[in-house]
């Protein structure tokens, strides 16, 4: 399973020498989409509000193709069943993305976690874990949570 995730990120997220700004943005969108999908499942209850939030983010905000969206969903579901470590995702993100982009990932994770107006301890744990793996400062982690709570 981890090899499948590695291959997906290598094919879709790893930078090439000819990368443009659009390519970099596309990789960020794919990484965020994968983590958002995992957030909907972390507490053991898949809630429609959270799924709707992720679907909207992936299809509208991220402008991914149907094939890319379907591939992300399949990988996130397989990861939920087989993996407990997010290092494969965060290692690639750390190599390619700015601190601001990493903070945006954390804010989106909070938005999905709070989409159902409840914050389960596993959801908070996942946001905290991803935040630490992405080296997002605690102050930015908290600020992202407050921005999401303020906009709800």
Protein backbone atom coordinates (compact mmCIF):
# COMPACT_ATOMS: atom_id res chain seq x y z
CA UNK A 1 0.00 0.00 0.00
CA UNK A 2 2.75 2.50 0.87
CA UNK A 3 4.41 1.80 -2.47
CA UNK A 4 1.15 2.67 -4.21
CA UNK A 5 0.95 5.97 -2.31
CA UNK A 6 4.60 6.73 -3.06
CA UNK A 7 4.05 6.04 -6.75
CA UNK A 8 0.96 8.27 -6.82
CA UNK A 9 2.85 11.18 -5.27
CA UNK A 10 5.93 10.61 -7.41
CA UNK A 11 3.78 10.65 -10.56
CA UNK A 12 1.47 13.48 -9.53
CA UNK A 13 3.28 15.55 -6.93
CA UNK A 14 7.03 15.22 -7.40
CA UNK A 15 8.54 18.28 -9.06
CA UNK A 16 10.17 18.09 -12.45
CA UNK A 17 12.81 20.40 -13.86
CA UNK A 18 10.27 22.01 -16.19
CA UNK A 19 7.72 22.80 -13.48
CA UNK A 20 5.66 25.93 -13.84
CA UNK A 21 3.80 27.78 -11.11
CA UNK A 22 0.65 25.96 -12.25
CA UNK A 23 2.36 22.59 -11.81
CA UNK A 24 3.41 23.49 -8.28
CA UNK A 25 -0.12 24.63 -7.44
CA UNK A 26 -1.54 21.42 -8.90
CA UNK A 27 0.73 19.30 -6.68
CA UNK A 28 -0.35 21.27 -3.61
CA UNK A 29 -3.99 20.73 -4.50
CA UNK A 30 -3.49 16.98 -4.86
CA UNK A 31 -1.70 16.72 -1.52
CA UNK A 32 -4.36 18.75 0.27
CA UNK A 33 -7.09 16.66 -1.33
CA UNK A 34 -5.56 13.42 -0.09
CA UNK A 35 -5.22 14.72 3.47
CA UNK A 36 -8.74 16.18 3.45
CA UNK A 37 -10.18 12.85 2.43
CA UNK A 38 -8.36 11.16 5.27
CA UNK A 39 -9.84 13.69 7.71
CA UNK A 40 -13.38 12.60 6.83
CA UNK A 41 -12.60 9.08 7.99
CA UNK A 42 -10.33 9.50 10.99
CA UNK A 43 -13.05 9.43 13.68
CA UNK A 44 -14.66 6.28 12.30
CA UNK A 45 -17.81 8.09 11.18
CA UNK A 46 -18.09 9.42 7.67
CA UNK A 47 -20.36 12.46 7.95
CA UNK A 48 -22.11 13.98 4.94
CA UNK A 49 -21.11 17.53 5.90
CA UNK A 50 -17.44 16.64 5.89
CA UNK A 51 -17.67 14.71 2.64
CA UNK A 52 -19.48 17.62 1.04
CA UNK A 53 -16.75 20.00 2.23
CA UNK A 54 -14.04 17.79 0.77
CA UNK A 55 -15.88 17.22 -2.49
CA UNK A 56 -16.40 20.95 -2.93
CA UNK A 57 -12.75 21.65 -2.21
CA UNK A 58 -11.48 18.98 -4.57
CA UNK A 59 -13.83 19.56 -7.48
CA UNK A 60 -14.40 23.32 -7.36
CA UNK A 61 -11.56 25.02 -5.51
CA UNK A 62 -8.86 22.66 -6.74
CA UNK A 63 -10.22 22.19 -10.28
CA UNK A 64 -9.11 18.56 -10.47
CA UNK A 65 -10.23 16.21 -13.16
CA UNK A 66 -12.73 13.46 -12.40
CA UNK A 67 -9.94 10.90 -12.80
CA UNK A 68 -7.65 12.68 -10.32
CA UNK A 69 -10.47 13.05 -7.82
CA UNK A 70 -11.40 9.38 -8.11
CA UNK A 71 -7.76 8.35 -7.72
CA UNK A 72 -7.39 10.47 -4.57
CA UNK A 73 -10.53 8.97 -3.08
CA UNK A 74 -9.37 5.42 -3.82
CA UNK A 75 -5.95 6.03 -2.29
CA UNK A 76 -7.36 7.72 0.81
CA UNK A 77 -9.75 4.83 1.39
CA UNK A 78 -6.96 2.28 0.93
CA UNK A 79 -4.69 4.25 3.23
CA UNK A 80 -7.35 4.31 5.93
CA UNK A 81 -7.45 0.53 5.86
CA UNK A 82 -3.72 -0.14 5.64
CA UNK A 83 -1.61 2.75 6.92
CA UNK A 84 -1.24 4.65 10.16
CA UNK A 85 1.62 6.90 9.10
CA UNK A 86 1.33 10.13 7.12
CA UNK A 87 5.05 10.63 6.69
CA UNK A 88 4.85 9.61 3.02
CA UNK A 89 2.57 12.59 2.36
CA UNK A 90 4.29 15.11 4.57
CA UNK A 91 7.82 14.26 3.43
CA UNK A 92 6.92 15.18 -0.14
CA UNK A 93 5.04 18.28 0.94
CA UNK A 94 7.96 19.44 3.07
CA UNK A 95 10.32 19.07 0.13
CA UNK A 96 8.24 21.23 -2.21
CA UNK A 97 5.97 23.65 -0.40
CA UNK A 98 6.37 26.94 1.43
CA UNK A 99 5.43 27.58 5.04
CA UNK A 100 2.37 29.51 3.84
CA UNK A 101 1.20 26.59 1.71
CA UNK A 102 1.68 24.21 4.62
CA UNK A 103 -0.39 26.49 6.87
CA UNK A 104 -3.13 26.49 4.21
CA UNK A 105 -3.21 22.69 4.41
CA UNK A 106 -3.72 22.90 8.17
CA UNK A 107 -6.54 25.41 7.75
CA UNK A 108 -8.30 23.15 5.25
CA UNK A 109 -7.94 20.19 7.62
CA UNK A 110 -9.59 22.24 10.37
CA UNK A 111 -12.39 23.21 7.97
CA UNK A 112 -13.17 19.56 7.22
CA UNK A 113 -12.88 18.53 10.87
CA UNK A 114 -15.30 21.26 11.94
CA UNK A 115 -17.71 20.93 8.99
CA UNK A 116 -20.13 18.88 11.11
CA UNK A 117 -19.90 21.37 14.03
CA UNK A 118 -18.18 18.73 16.18
CA UNK A 119 -14.51 18.22 16.85
CA UNK A 120 -13.67 14.63 17.64
CA UNK A 121 -10.42 14.01 19.50
CA UNK A 122 -9.11 11.90 16.61
CA UNK A 123 -9.77 14.76 14.20
CA UNK A 124 -7.86 17.18 16.40
CA UNK A 125 -5.09 14.62 16.77
CA UNK A 126 -4.78 14.25 13.00
CA UNK A 127 -4.57 18.00 12.44
CA UNK A 128 -1.97 18.27 15.20
CA UNK A 129 0.02 15.34 13.82
CA UNK A 130 0.04 16.68 10.26
CA UNK A 131 0.91 20.13 11.58
CA UNK A 132 3.92 18.74 13.43
CA UNK A 133 5.04 16.66 10.45
CA UNK A 134 4.85 19.77 8.25
CA UNK A 135 6.75 21.84 10.84
CA UNK A 136 3.88 24.32 11.12
CA UNK A 137 4.40 26.44 14.24
CA UNK A 138 1.90 25.93 17.05
CA UNK A 139 0.79 29.57 16.78
CA UNK A 140 -0.14 29.03 13.12
CA UNK A 141 -1.90 25.77 14.01
CA UNK A 142 -4.06 27.63 16.57
CA UNK A 143 -4.61 30.65 14.32
CA UNK A 144 -5.89 28.39 11.53
CA UNK A 145 -8.35 26.78 13.93
CA UNK A 146 -9.63 30.18 15.09
CA UNK A 147 -10.04 31.42 11.51
CA UNK A 148 -12.13 28.36 10.64
CA UNK A 149 -14.20 28.63 13.81
CA UNK A 150 -14.76 32.33 13.17
CA UNK A 151 -16.02 31.72 9.65
CA UNK A 152 -18.43 28.93 10.63
